[in-house]
Amino acid sequence: MSTSIRLVAAIGLVVAVAACDTSPREEFVVAEPQAVSIEPTYTGKYN
């Protein structure tokens, strides 16, 4: 029983330390893609 209590206490300590982690996190920025320009079509006007 003493081993199981120590195991539960150790897991609880690890969970508490992980929950209190205040290290800076990377922010992910999603950039909007540039609009694709349409190439001019050949109309035969200047031939």
N, C-alpha and C. Protein backbone atom coordinates (compact mmCIF):
# COMPACT_ATOMS: atom_id res chain seq x y z
N MET A 1 0.83 -1.19 0.00
CA MET A 1 0.00 0.00 0.00
C MET A 1 0.87 1.25 0.00
N SER A 2 1.98 1.22 0.70
CA SER A 2 2.88 2.36 0.76
C SER A 2 3.43 2.69 -0.62
N THR A 3 3.69 1.66 -1.42
CA THR A 3 4.21 1.88 -2.77
C THR A 3 3.17 2.55 -3.64
N SER A 4 1.93 2.15 -3.52
CA SER A 4 0.88 2.75 -4.36
C SER A 4 0.64 4.21 -3.95
N ILE A 5 0.75 4.51 -2.65
CA ILE A 5 0.59 5.90 -2.21
C ILE A 5 1.73 6.76 -2.75
N ARG A 6 2.94 6.24 -2.73
CA ARG A 6 4.09 6.99 -3.28
C ARG A 6 3.93 7.19 -4.78
N LEU A 7 3.43 6.17 -5.47
CA LEU A 7 3.23 6.27 -6.90
C LEU A 7 2.18 7.34 -7.24
N VAL A 8 1.09 7.35 -6.52
CA VAL A 8 0.04 8.35 -6.74
C VAL A 8 0.56 9.74 -6.40
N ALA A 9 1.35 9.86 -5.34
CA ALA A 9 1.91 11.16 -4.97
C ALA A 9 2.90 11.65 -6.03
N ALA A 10 3.70 10.75 -6.57
CA ALA A 10 4.67 11.12 -7.61
C ALA A 10 3.95 11.56 -8.88
N ILE A 11 2.92 10.84 -9.26
CA ILE A 11 2.16 11.22 -10.46
C ILE A 11 1.46 12.56 -10.24
N GLY A 12 0.92 12.77 -9.05
CA GLY A 12 0.30 14.05 -8.73
C GLY A 12 1.28 15.20 -8.78
N LEU A 13 2.50 14.97 -8.32
CA LEU A 13 3.53 16.01 -8.37
C LEU A 13 3.89 16.35 -9.81
N VAL A 14 4.02 15.33 -10.64
CA VAL A 14 4.36 15.57 -12.06
C VAL A 14 3.23 16.34 -12.75
N VAL A 15 2.00 15.99 -12.46
CA VAL A 15 0.85 16.69 -13.06
C VAL A 15 0.80 18.13 -12.59
N ALA A 16 1.09 18.39 -11.31
CA ALA A 16 1.06 19.75 -10.78
C ALA A 16 2.16 20.61 -11.41
N VAL A 17 3.34 20.04 -11.57
CA VAL A 17 4.45 20.79 -12.19
C VAL A 17 4.13 21.08 -13.66
N ALA A 18 3.55 20.11 -14.36
CA ALA A 18 3.20 20.32 -15.76
C ALA A 18 2.11 21.38 -15.91
N ALA A 19 1.17 21.42 -14.96
CA ALA A 19 0.09 22.41 -15.03
C ALA A 19 0.59 23.81 -14.74
N CYS A 20 1.64 23.94 -13.96
CA CYS A 20 2.16 25.26 -13.58
C CYS A 20 3.24 25.76 -14.53
N ASP A 21 3.44 25.09 -15.63
CA ASP A 21 4.47 25.48 -16.60
C ASP A 21 4.08 26.82 -17.21
N THR A 22 4.94 27.83 -17.01
CA THR A 22 4.66 29.16 -17.54
C THR A 22 5.68 29.59 -18.58
N SER A 23 6.33 28.63 -19.22
CA SER A 23 7.32 28.98 -20.24
C SER A 23 6.60 29.62 -21.42
N PRO A 24 7.28 30.56 -22.09
CA PRO A 24 6.63 31.23 -23.22
C PRO A 24 6.35 30.24 -24.34
N ARG A 25 5.21 30.37 -24.93
CA ARG A 25 4.80 29.47 -26.01
C ARG A 25 4.93 30.18 -27.35
N GLU A 26 5.22 29.40 -28.38
CA GLU A 26 5.30 29.96 -29.72
C GLU A 26 3.89 30.22 -30.24
N GLU A 27 3.71 31.38 -30.85
CA GLU A 27 2.41 31.68 -31.44
C GLU A 27 2.48 31.36 -32.93
N PHE A 28 1.47 30.68 -33.41
CA PHE A 28 1.42 30.33 -34.82
C PHE A 28 0.57 31.37 -35.54
N VAL A 29 1.17 31.98 -36.56
CA VAL A 29 0.47 33.00 -37.33
C VAL A 29 0.16 32.43 -38.70
N VAL A 30 -1.10 32.49 -39.07
CA VAL A 30 -1.51 32.00 -40.38
C VAL A 30 -1.63 33.19 -41.31
N ALA A 31 -0.81 33.21 -42.35
CA ALA A 31 -0.82 34.32 -43.30
C ALA A 31 -1.77 33.99 -44.44
N GLU A 32 -2.52 34.97 -44.87
CA GLU A 32 -3.41 34.79 -46.01
C GLU A 32 -2.58 34.70 -47.29
N PRO A 33 -2.86 33.76 -48.14
CA PRO A 33 -2.10 33.65 -49.40
C PRO A 33 -2.41 34.82 -50.32
N GLN A 34 -1.42 35.18 -51.13
CA GLN A 34 -1.61 36.27 -52.09
C GLN A 34 -2.57 35.82 -53.18
N ALA A 35 -3.35 36.76 -53.66
CA ALA A 35 -4.28 36.47 -54.74
C ALA A 35 -3.51 36.18 -56.02
N VAL A 36 -3.93 35.20 -56.74
CA VAL A 36 -3.27 34.84 -57.99
C VAL A 36 -3.77 35.77 -59.08
N SER A 37 -2.82 36.43 -59.76
CA SER A 37 -3.22 37.34 -60.83
C SER A 37 -3.45 36.54 -62.12
N ILE A 38 -4.40 37.00 -62.89
CA ILE A 38 -4.74 36.34 -64.14
C ILE A 38 -3.92 36.96 -65.26
N GLU A 39 -3.29 36.10 -66.05
CA GLU A 39 -2.49 36.61 -67.16
C GLU A 39 -3.43 37.16 -68.24
N PRO A 40 -3.00 38.24 -68.89
CA PRO A 40 -3.84 38.79 -69.95
C PRO A 40 -3.92 37.80 -71.12
N THR A 41 -5.07 37.72 -71.70
CA THR A 41 -5.26 36.80 -72.83
C THR A 41 -5.01 37.53 -74.14
N TYR A 42 -4.60 36.79 -75.13
CA TYR A 42 -4.35 37.36 -76.45
C TYR A 42 -5.69 37.58 -77.15
N THR A 43 -5.93 38.83 -77.51
CA THR A 43 -7.20 39.15 -78.16
C THR A 43 -7.05 39.44 -79.64
N GLY A 44 -5.83 39.63 -80.11
CA GLY A 44 -5.62 39.90 -81.53
C GLY A 44 -5.77 41.36 -81.90
N LYS A 45 -5.93 42.24 -80.91
CA LYS A 45 -6.14 43.65 -81.19
C LYS A 45 -4.89 44.30 -81.79
N TYR A 46 -3.71 44.00 -81.25
CA TYR A 46 -2.47 44.58 -81.76
C TYR A 46 -1.70 43.50 -82.47
N ASN A 47 -1.93 43.34 -83.72
CA ASN A 47 -1.29 42.29 -84.46
C ASN A 47 -0.32 42.78 -85.45
